[in-house]
């Protein structure tokens, strides 16, 4: 956990110029999203959140976020530029970088599903 904390602290320092988490209060009925499970792999950290969102942070500082309804994918490139696509969008397939990371994410999620069965 110390490694995870240090990693997040380093990310926070890098993102100081960007807007970070806001300190807005939770509204009534709105549930707090929290980390349910995390896994470290050869190429990335995988996080599963309580709202079923999956975030994969690759060691090259790129990220993939998958929404629980499997309709959207958000990709953060090495320059920290964030792009969101429909999962079946042609833009996703036209980018080899995104396609490679989505393929890896699928493989890891399938392995985790098999392990939990």
N, C-alpha and C. Protein backbone atom coordinates (compact mmCIF):
# COMPACT_ATOMS: atom_id res chain seq x y z
N UNK A 1 0.82 -1.19 0.00
CA UNK A 1 0.00 0.00 0.00
C UNK A 1 0.86 1.26 0.00
N UNK A 2 2.04 1.17 0.60
CA UNK A 2 2.92 2.32 0.60
C UNK A 2 3.33 2.69 -0.82
N UNK A 3 3.62 1.67 -1.63
CA UNK A 3 3.97 1.92 -3.04
C UNK A 3 2.81 2.62 -3.76
N UNK A 4 1.58 2.16 -3.52
CA UNK A 4 0.40 2.74 -4.13
C UNK A 4 0.24 4.20 -3.70
N UNK A 5 0.42 4.47 -2.39
CA UNK A 5 0.30 5.83 -1.88
C UNK A 5 1.35 6.73 -2.51
N UNK A 6 2.60 6.25 -2.59
CA UNK A 6 3.68 7.04 -3.20
C UNK A 6 3.39 7.32 -4.66
N UNK A 7 2.85 6.32 -5.36
CA UNK A 7 2.51 6.50 -6.77
C UNK A 7 1.46 7.60 -6.92
N UNK A 8 0.42 7.55 -6.10
CA UNK A 8 -0.64 8.56 -6.18
C UNK A 8 -0.12 9.95 -5.81
N UNK A 9 0.75 10.02 -4.84
CA UNK A 9 1.33 11.31 -4.47
C UNK A 9 2.15 11.89 -5.62
N UNK A 10 2.92 11.05 -6.30
CA UNK A 10 3.69 11.52 -7.45
C UNK A 10 2.77 12.00 -8.57
N UNK A 11 1.68 11.29 -8.79
CA UNK A 11 0.73 11.70 -9.82
C UNK A 11 0.11 13.05 -9.47
N UNK A 12 -0.21 13.22 -8.20
CA UNK A 12 -0.82 14.46 -7.76
C UNK A 12 0.14 15.63 -7.97
N UNK A 13 1.41 15.44 -7.68
CA UNK A 13 2.41 16.49 -7.89
C UNK A 13 2.52 16.85 -9.36
N UNK A 14 2.46 15.85 -10.24
CA UNK A 14 2.55 16.09 -11.68
C UNK A 14 1.34 16.85 -12.19
N UNK A 15 0.20 16.63 -11.58
CA UNK A 15 -1.04 17.23 -12.05
C UNK A 15 -1.41 18.51 -11.31
N UNK A 16 -0.47 19.15 -10.64
CA UNK A 16 -0.79 20.33 -9.85
C UNK A 16 -1.39 21.44 -10.69
N UNK A 17 -0.98 21.56 -11.93
CA UNK A 17 -1.51 22.59 -12.81
C UNK A 17 -2.91 22.28 -13.29
N UNK A 18 -3.31 21.03 -13.22
CA UNK A 18 -4.64 20.64 -13.67
C UNK A 18 -5.61 20.68 -12.51
N UNK A 19 -6.88 20.77 -12.86
CA UNK A 19 -7.91 20.78 -11.82
C UNK A 19 -8.00 19.40 -11.20
N UNK A 20 -7.87 19.33 -9.89
CA UNK A 20 -7.90 18.05 -9.18
C UNK A 20 -9.30 17.83 -8.59
N UNK A 21 -9.38 16.92 -7.66
CA UNK A 21 -10.65 16.63 -7.03
C UNK A 21 -11.20 17.87 -6.34
N UNK A 22 -12.50 18.06 -6.46
CA UNK A 22 -13.11 19.19 -5.77
C UNK A 22 -13.55 18.75 -4.39
N UNK A 23 -13.72 19.72 -3.50
CA UNK A 23 -14.12 19.43 -2.13
C UNK A 23 -15.62 19.64 -1.94
N UNK A 24 -16.39 19.42 -3.01
CA UNK A 24 -17.84 19.61 -2.91
C UNK A 24 -18.44 18.55 -2.00
N UNK A 25 -19.46 18.94 -1.27
CA UNK A 25 -20.13 18.01 -0.37
C UNK A 25 -20.97 17.03 -1.18
N UNK A 26 -21.14 15.84 -0.66
CA UNK A 26 -22.00 14.84 -1.28
C UNK A 26 -23.45 15.25 -1.07
N UNK A 27 -24.27 15.16 -2.13
CA UNK A 27 -25.68 15.47 -2.00
C UNK A 27 -26.39 14.27 -1.42
N UNK A 28 -27.59 14.50 -0.88
CA UNK A 28 -28.36 13.42 -0.27
C UNK A 28 -28.67 12.37 -1.34
N UNK A 29 -28.44 11.12 -1.02
CA UNK A 29 -28.71 10.03 -1.95
C UNK A 29 -27.55 9.71 -2.87
N UNK A 30 -26.57 10.58 -2.94
CA UNK A 30 -25.41 10.33 -3.80
C UNK A 30 -24.41 9.49 -3.01
N UNK A 31 -23.95 8.42 -3.61
CA UNK A 31 -23.05 7.52 -2.90
C UNK A 31 -21.60 7.88 -3.19
N UNK A 32 -20.79 7.75 -2.19
CA UNK A 32 -19.36 7.97 -2.31
C UNK A 32 -18.74 6.82 -3.09
N UNK A 33 -17.94 7.14 -4.10
CA UNK A 33 -17.26 6.12 -4.90
C UNK A 33 -15.92 5.82 -4.24
N UNK A 34 -15.62 4.53 -4.09
CA UNK A 34 -14.39 4.14 -3.43
C UNK A 34 -13.75 2.98 -4.17
N UNK A 35 -12.51 2.73 -3.86
CA UNK A 35 -11.75 1.65 -4.47
C UNK A 35 -12.16 0.32 -3.87
N UNK A 36 -12.62 -0.60 -4.73
CA UNK A 36 -13.02 -1.93 -4.26
C UNK A 36 -11.90 -2.94 -4.40
N UNK A 37 -11.14 -2.86 -5.49
CA UNK A 37 -10.09 -3.83 -5.73
C UNK A 37 -9.03 -3.19 -6.62
N UNK A 38 -7.78 -3.57 -6.37
CA UNK A 38 -6.71 -3.14 -7.27
C UNK A 38 -5.75 -4.29 -7.48
N UNK A 39 -5.15 -4.29 -8.67
CA UNK A 39 -4.23 -5.34 -9.05
C UNK A 39 -3.05 -4.70 -9.77
N UNK A 40 -1.87 -5.15 -9.44
CA UNK A 40 -0.67 -4.72 -10.14
C UNK A 40 -0.26 -5.81 -11.12
N UNK A 41 -0.05 -5.43 -12.39
CA UNK A 41 0.36 -6.39 -13.41
C UNK A 41 1.72 -5.98 -13.96
N UNK A 42 2.16 -6.71 -14.95
CA UNK A 42 3.46 -6.44 -15.56
C UNK A 42 3.52 -5.06 -16.22
N UNK A 43 2.39 -4.58 -16.73
CA UNK A 43 2.37 -3.33 -17.49
C UNK A 43 1.53 -2.22 -16.88
N UNK A 44 0.74 -2.54 -15.84
CA UNK A 44 -0.20 -1.52 -15.37
C UNK A 44 -0.75 -1.84 -13.98
N UNK A 45 -1.44 -0.84 -13.42
CA UNK A 45 -2.27 -1.03 -12.24
C UNK A 45 -3.71 -1.03 -12.73
N UNK A 46 -4.52 -1.93 -12.20
CA UNK A 46 -5.93 -1.96 -12.52
C UNK A 46 -6.71 -1.65 -11.25
N UNK A 47 -7.67 -0.74 -11.36
CA UNK A 47 -8.50 -0.35 -10.23
C UNK A 47 -9.96 -0.60 -10.58
N UNK A 48 -10.68 -1.25 -9.69
CA UNK A 48 -12.13 -1.40 -9.86
C UNK A 48 -12.78 -0.60 -8.75
N UNK A 49 -13.64 0.33 -9.15
CA UNK A 49 -14.29 1.21 -8.20
C UNK A 49 -15.66 0.68 -7.81
N UNK A 50 -16.20 1.22 -6.73
CA UNK A 50 -17.48 0.74 -6.22
C UNK A 50 -18.63 0.99 -7.19
N UNK A 51 -18.49 1.93 -8.10
CA UNK A 51 -19.54 2.19 -9.09
C UNK A 51 -19.33 1.35 -10.36
N UNK A 52 -18.47 0.34 -10.29
CA UNK A 52 -18.16 -0.60 -11.37
C UNK A 52 -17.30 -0.01 -12.48
N UNK A 53 -16.80 1.20 -12.33
CA UNK A 53 -15.86 1.77 -13.28
C UNK A 53 -14.52 1.05 -13.12
N UNK A 54 -13.85 0.80 -14.25
CA UNK A 54 -12.54 0.16 -14.23
C UNK A 54 -11.54 1.16 -14.79
N UNK A 55 -10.46 1.38 -14.07
CA UNK A 55 -9.39 2.28 -14.51
C UNK A 55 -8.11 1.47 -14.58
N UNK A 56 -7.43 1.58 -15.73
CA UNK A 56 -6.14 0.92 -15.90
C UNK A 56 -5.11 2.02 -16.12
N UNK A 57 -4.14 2.10 -15.21
CA UNK A 57 -3.07 3.09 -15.32
C UNK A 57 -1.81 2.34 -15.72
N UNK A 58 -1.35 2.61 -16.94
CA UNK A 58 -0.17 1.94 -17.46
C UNK A 58 1.08 2.64 -16.96
N UNK A 59 2.17 1.89 -16.90
CA UNK A 59 3.42 2.43 -16.37
C UNK A 59 4.00 3.53 -17.25
N UNK A 60 3.55 3.64 -18.51
CA UNK A 60 4.02 4.73 -19.37
C UNK A 60 3.17 5.99 -19.20
N UNK A 61 2.33 6.02 -18.15
CA UNK A 61 1.49 7.14 -17.76
C UNK A 61 0.24 7.31 -18.63
N UNK A 62 -0.08 6.36 -19.50
CA UNK A 62 -1.35 6.39 -20.20
C UNK A 62 -2.39 5.70 -19.34
N UNK A 63 -3.66 6.01 -19.59
CA UNK A 63 -4.75 5.46 -18.79
C UNK A 63 -5.92 5.08 -19.67
N UNK A 64 -6.67 4.08 -19.24
CA UNK A 64 -7.92 3.69 -19.87
C UNK A 64 -8.96 3.60 -18.76
N UNK A 65 -10.11 4.25 -18.98
CA UNK A 65 -11.23 4.16 -18.04
C UNK A 65 -12.41 3.58 -18.79
N UNK A 66 -13.02 2.55 -18.21
CA UNK A 66 -14.17 1.90 -18.81
C UNK A 66 -15.37 2.13 -17.91
N UNK A 67 -16.47 2.61 -18.50
CA UNK A 67 -17.67 2.86 -17.73
C UNK A 67 -18.39 1.56 -17.44
N UNK A 68 -19.18 1.51 -16.38
CA UNK A 68 -19.85 0.26 -16.00
C UNK A 68 -20.83 -0.24 -17.07
N UNK A 69 -21.41 0.66 -17.82
CA UNK A 69 -22.37 0.23 -18.84
C UNK A 69 -21.68 -0.21 -20.13
N UNK A 70 -20.35 -0.19 -20.14
CA UNK A 70 -19.53 -0.63 -21.27
C UNK A 70 -19.81 0.15 -22.55
N UNK A 71 -20.27 1.37 -22.42
CA UNK A 71 -20.57 2.17 -23.61
C UNK A 71 -19.46 3.15 -23.94
N UNK A 72 -18.71 3.56 -22.94
CA UNK A 72 -17.70 4.59 -23.16
C UNK A 72 -16.32 4.12 -22.71
N UNK A 73 -15.32 4.65 -23.38
CA UNK A 73 -13.95 4.45 -22.96
C UNK A 73 -13.29 5.82 -22.96
N UNK A 74 -12.56 6.11 -21.89
CA UNK A 74 -11.80 7.34 -21.82
C UNK A 74 -10.33 6.96 -21.86
N UNK A 75 -9.59 7.64 -22.73
CA UNK A 75 -8.17 7.36 -22.90
C UNK A 75 -7.39 8.63 -22.56
N UNK A 76 -6.38 8.48 -21.73
CA UNK A 76 -5.49 9.57 -21.38
C UNK A 76 -4.12 9.22 -21.95
N UNK A 77 -3.63 10.07 -22.88
CA UNK A 77 -2.36 9.74 -23.55
C UNK A 77 -1.16 10.20 -22.73
N UNK A 78 0.02 10.01 -23.26
CA UNK A 78 1.25 10.33 -22.54
C UNK A 78 1.39 11.82 -22.27
N UNK A 79 0.71 12.65 -23.06
CA UNK A 79 0.74 14.11 -22.85
C UNK A 79 -0.35 14.56 -21.89
N UNK A 80 -1.07 13.57 -21.30
CA UNK A 80 -2.16 13.79 -20.36
C UNK A 80 -3.40 14.38 -21.03
N UNK A 81 -3.55 14.19 -22.34
CA UNK A 81 -4.73 14.64 -23.06
C UNK A 81 -5.81 13.57 -22.93
N UNK A 82 -6.97 13.98 -22.48
CA UNK A 82 -8.06 13.04 -22.22
C UNK A 82 -9.05 13.06 -23.39
N UNK A 83 -9.42 11.85 -23.87
CA UNK A 83 -10.40 11.71 -24.95
C UNK A 83 -11.39 10.62 -24.55
N UNK A 84 -12.68 10.88 -24.80
CA UNK A 84 -13.71 9.90 -24.50
C UNK A 84 -14.41 9.50 -25.78
N UNK A 85 -14.62 8.19 -25.95
CA UNK A 85 -15.22 7.64 -27.16
C UNK A 85 -16.31 6.66 -26.79
N UNK A 86 -17.24 6.47 -27.73
CA UNK A 86 -18.13 5.31 -27.62
C UNK A 86 -17.25 4.10 -27.83
N UNK A 87 -17.50 3.04 -27.09
CA UNK A 87 -16.63 1.87 -27.17
C UNK A 87 -16.58 1.27 -28.57
N UNK A 88 -17.65 1.39 -29.34
CA UNK A 88 -17.64 0.85 -30.70
C UNK A 88 -17.27 1.92 -31.74
N UNK A 89 -16.84 3.07 -31.28
CA UNK A 89 -16.50 4.19 -32.16
C UNK A 89 -15.31 3.83 -33.06
N UNK A 90 -15.36 4.23 -34.31
CA UNK A 90 -14.27 3.96 -35.24
C UNK A 90 -12.97 4.64 -34.81
N UNK A 91 -13.06 5.73 -34.07
CA UNK A 91 -11.85 6.41 -33.61
C UNK A 91 -11.02 5.52 -32.70
N UNK A 92 -11.69 4.70 -31.91
CA UNK A 92 -10.97 3.79 -31.01
C UNK A 92 -10.19 2.79 -31.85
N UNK A 93 -10.83 2.21 -32.86
CA UNK A 93 -10.18 1.22 -33.71
C UNK A 93 -9.11 1.80 -34.60
N UNK A 94 -9.19 3.08 -34.90
CA UNK A 94 -8.21 3.69 -35.80
C UNK A 94 -6.91 4.07 -35.09
N UNK A 95 -6.91 4.04 -33.78
CA UNK A 95 -5.71 4.37 -33.01
C UNK A 95 -5.05 3.10 -32.50
N UNK A 96 -3.87 2.76 -33.01
CA UNK A 96 -3.20 1.55 -32.53
C UNK A 96 -2.87 1.60 -31.04
N UNK A 97 -2.57 2.78 -30.53
CA UNK A 97 -2.24 2.91 -29.09
C UNK A 97 -3.44 2.56 -28.22
N UNK A 98 -4.60 3.11 -28.57
CA UNK A 98 -5.81 2.82 -27.78
C UNK A 98 -6.19 1.35 -27.94
N UNK A 99 -6.15 0.84 -29.17
CA UNK A 99 -6.52 -0.55 -29.43
C UNK A 99 -5.63 -1.51 -28.64
N UNK A 100 -4.32 -1.22 -28.59
CA UNK A 100 -3.39 -2.08 -27.86
C UNK A 100 -3.71 -2.10 -26.37
N UNK A 101 -4.02 -0.95 -25.82
CA UNK A 101 -4.31 -0.88 -24.40
C UNK A 101 -5.67 -1.51 -24.06
N UNK A 102 -6.64 -1.35 -24.95
CA UNK A 102 -7.94 -1.98 -24.73
C UNK A 102 -7.82 -3.50 -24.79
N UNK A 103 -6.99 -3.99 -25.69
CA UNK A 103 -6.78 -5.44 -25.79
C UNK A 103 -6.15 -5.96 -24.50
N UNK A 104 -5.15 -5.25 -23.98
CA UNK A 104 -4.51 -5.65 -22.73
C UNK A 104 -5.52 -5.61 -21.58
N UNK A 105 -6.32 -4.54 -21.53
CA UNK A 105 -7.33 -4.41 -20.48
C UNK A 105 -8.30 -5.58 -20.53
N UNK A 106 -8.73 -5.97 -21.72
CA UNK A 106 -9.65 -7.09 -21.87
C UNK A 106 -9.01 -8.38 -21.37
N UNK A 107 -7.74 -8.61 -21.71
CA UNK A 107 -7.05 -9.82 -21.27
C UNK A 107 -6.96 -9.89 -19.74
N UNK A 108 -6.62 -8.77 -19.13
CA UNK A 108 -6.49 -8.74 -17.66
C UNK A 108 -7.85 -8.97 -17.01
N UNK A 109 -8.89 -8.32 -17.52
CA UNK A 109 -10.22 -8.48 -16.94
C UNK A 109 -10.72 -9.93 -17.10
N UNK A 110 -10.42 -10.55 -18.23
CA UNK A 110 -10.80 -11.95 -18.41
C UNK A 110 -10.06 -12.85 -17.43
N UNK A 111 -8.77 -12.58 -17.21
CA UNK A 111 -8.00 -13.38 -16.25
C UNK A 111 -8.57 -13.24 -14.85
N UNK A 112 -8.91 -12.02 -14.47
CA UNK A 112 -9.47 -11.78 -13.13
C UNK A 112 -10.81 -12.47 -12.97
N UNK A 113 -11.60 -12.46 -14.03
CA UNK A 113 -12.90 -13.11 -13.98
C UNK A 113 -12.74 -14.62 -13.81
N UNK A 114 -11.77 -15.20 -14.51
CA UNK A 114 -11.52 -16.64 -14.38
C UNK A 114 -11.04 -17.00 -12.97
N UNK A 115 -10.20 -16.12 -12.40
CA UNK A 115 -9.67 -16.38 -11.06
C UNK A 115 -10.77 -16.33 -10.00
N UNK A 116 -11.75 -15.45 -10.20
CA UNK A 116 -12.80 -15.31 -9.21
C UNK A 116 -13.89 -16.37 -9.36
N UNK A 117 -13.88 -17.11 -10.45
CA UNK A 117 -14.90 -18.14 -10.67
C UNK A 117 -14.59 -19.41 -9.89
